[in-house]
Amino acid sequence: MTGRSAVVGRTLAAFDPGPDAGTILGIIGWCASAAGVGGLIIVGIQMAIQMRRGDPGEGGEHFRGVLFVTLGCLIASTAGPLVAFLGDLSLH
């Protein structure tokens, strides 16, 4: 008896995250936005402190920091709408 034939005829239970899942995703989205603003402030402070050094290629480091903070904030804050868009993820 293979594992595949043992499962035939059964239905898997649907996943129901409950009403609190949207609240948790909303809180995570707001926290990610706040962390993103804090990250951009930190990158700005680093830019202001290191402005007088004048090292070549330093602008690329700052741009990379802004890019990482922005991408992280974007991914975290779109988690809620992405889950709502995908809808029912039950295994039927």
Protein backbone atom coordinates (compact mmCIF):
# COMPACT_ATOMS: atom_id res chain seq x y z
CA MET A 1 0.00 0.00 0.00
CA THR A 2 1.59 3.24 -1.08
CA GLY A 3 1.23 6.55 0.74
CA ARG A 4 -0.70 8.02 -2.16
CA SER A 5 -3.43 5.40 -2.15
CA ALA A 6 -3.93 5.77 1.61
CA VAL A 7 -4.93 9.44 1.19
CA VAL A 8 -7.42 8.95 -1.64
CA GLY A 9 -10.96 9.83 -0.57
CA ARG A 10 -9.97 12.07 2.33
CA THR A 11 -10.41 15.83 2.36
CA LEU A 12 -7.96 18.01 4.18
CA ALA A 13 -9.20 20.53 6.71
CA ALA A 14 -9.38 24.13 5.55
CA PHE A 15 -7.06 26.62 7.21
CA ASP A 16 -8.98 29.34 9.03
CA PRO A 17 -6.69 31.99 10.56
CA GLY A 18 -9.61 33.69 12.29
CA PRO A 19 -10.47 37.37 12.53
CA ASP A 20 -7.36 38.23 14.52
CA ALA A 21 -5.03 37.43 11.60
CA GLY A 22 -5.94 40.67 9.82
CA THR A 23 -5.33 42.64 13.00
CA ILE A 24 -1.92 41.05 13.50
CA LEU A 25 -0.92 41.68 9.87
CA GLY A 26 -2.04 45.30 10.20
CA ILE A 27 0.05 45.79 13.33
CA ILE A 28 3.05 44.18 11.63
CA GLY A 29 2.56 46.50 8.64
CA TRP A 30 2.52 49.60 10.86
CA CYS A 31 5.56 48.41 12.82
CA ALA A 32 7.41 47.76 9.56
CA SER A 33 6.55 51.25 8.35
CA ALA A 34 7.81 52.75 11.61
CA ALA A 35 11.00 50.68 11.38
CA GLY A 36 11.42 51.86 7.77
CA VAL A 37 11.14 55.50 8.79
CA GLY A 38 13.64 54.89 11.58
CA GLY A 39 15.99 53.15 9.14
CA LEU A 40 15.82 56.06 6.70
CA ILE A 41 16.55 58.48 9.55
CA ILE A 42 19.58 56.39 10.54
CA VAL A 43 20.86 56.33 6.95
CA GLY A 44 20.36 60.10 6.76
CA ILE A 45 22.32 60.60 10.00
CA GLN A 46 25.13 58.44 8.63
CA MET A 47 25.16 60.51 5.43
CA ALA A 48 25.35 63.75 7.44
CA ILE A 49 28.17 62.48 9.69
CA GLN A 50 30.29 61.12 6.83
CA MET A 51 29.69 64.02 4.44
CA ARG A 52 33.06 65.65 5.10
CA ARG A 53 35.15 62.51 4.57
CA GLY A 54 34.64 62.52 0.80
CA ASP A 55 35.54 58.89 0.18
CA PRO A 56 34.91 57.87 -3.45
CA GLY A 57 32.04 55.44 -3.82
CA GLU A 58 30.50 56.47 -0.53
CA GLY A 59 27.25 57.53 -2.21
CA GLY A 60 26.71 53.96 -3.39
CA GLU A 61 26.86 52.71 0.19
CA HIS A 62 24.21 55.20 1.26
CA PHE A 63 22.03 54.37 -1.73
CA ARG A 64 22.31 50.66 -0.89
CA GLY A 65 21.22 51.39 2.70
CA VAL A 66 18.20 53.36 1.49
CA LEU A 67 17.36 50.60 -0.99
CA PHE A 68 17.50 47.83 1.64
CA VAL A 69 15.39 49.80 4.13
CA THR A 70 12.81 50.64 1.46
CA LEU A 71 12.58 47.06 0.14
CA GLY A 72 12.27 45.61 3.63
CA CYS A 73 9.51 48.08 4.50
CA LEU A 74 7.73 47.40 1.22
CA ILE A 75 7.78 43.62 1.64
CA ALA A 76 6.62 43.73 5.26
CA SER A 77 3.85 46.26 4.71
CA THR A 78 2.39 44.42 1.70
CA ALA A 79 2.06 41.11 3.57
CA GLY A 80 -1.52 41.86 4.69
CA PRO A 81 -2.88 42.91 1.27
CA LEU A 82 -1.05 40.00 -0.37
CA VAL A 83 -2.69 37.48 1.97
CA ALA A 84 -6.10 39.12 1.39
CA PHE A 85 -5.55 38.98 -2.39
CA LEU A 86 -4.64 35.28 -2.36
CA GLY A 87 -7.83 34.48 -0.46
CA ASP A 88 -8.60 30.96 0.70
CA LEU A 89 -5.42 28.89 0.87
CA SER A 90 -7.04 25.67 2.03
CA LEU A 91 -5.85 22.38 0.62
CA HIS A 92 -8.82 20.67 -1.04
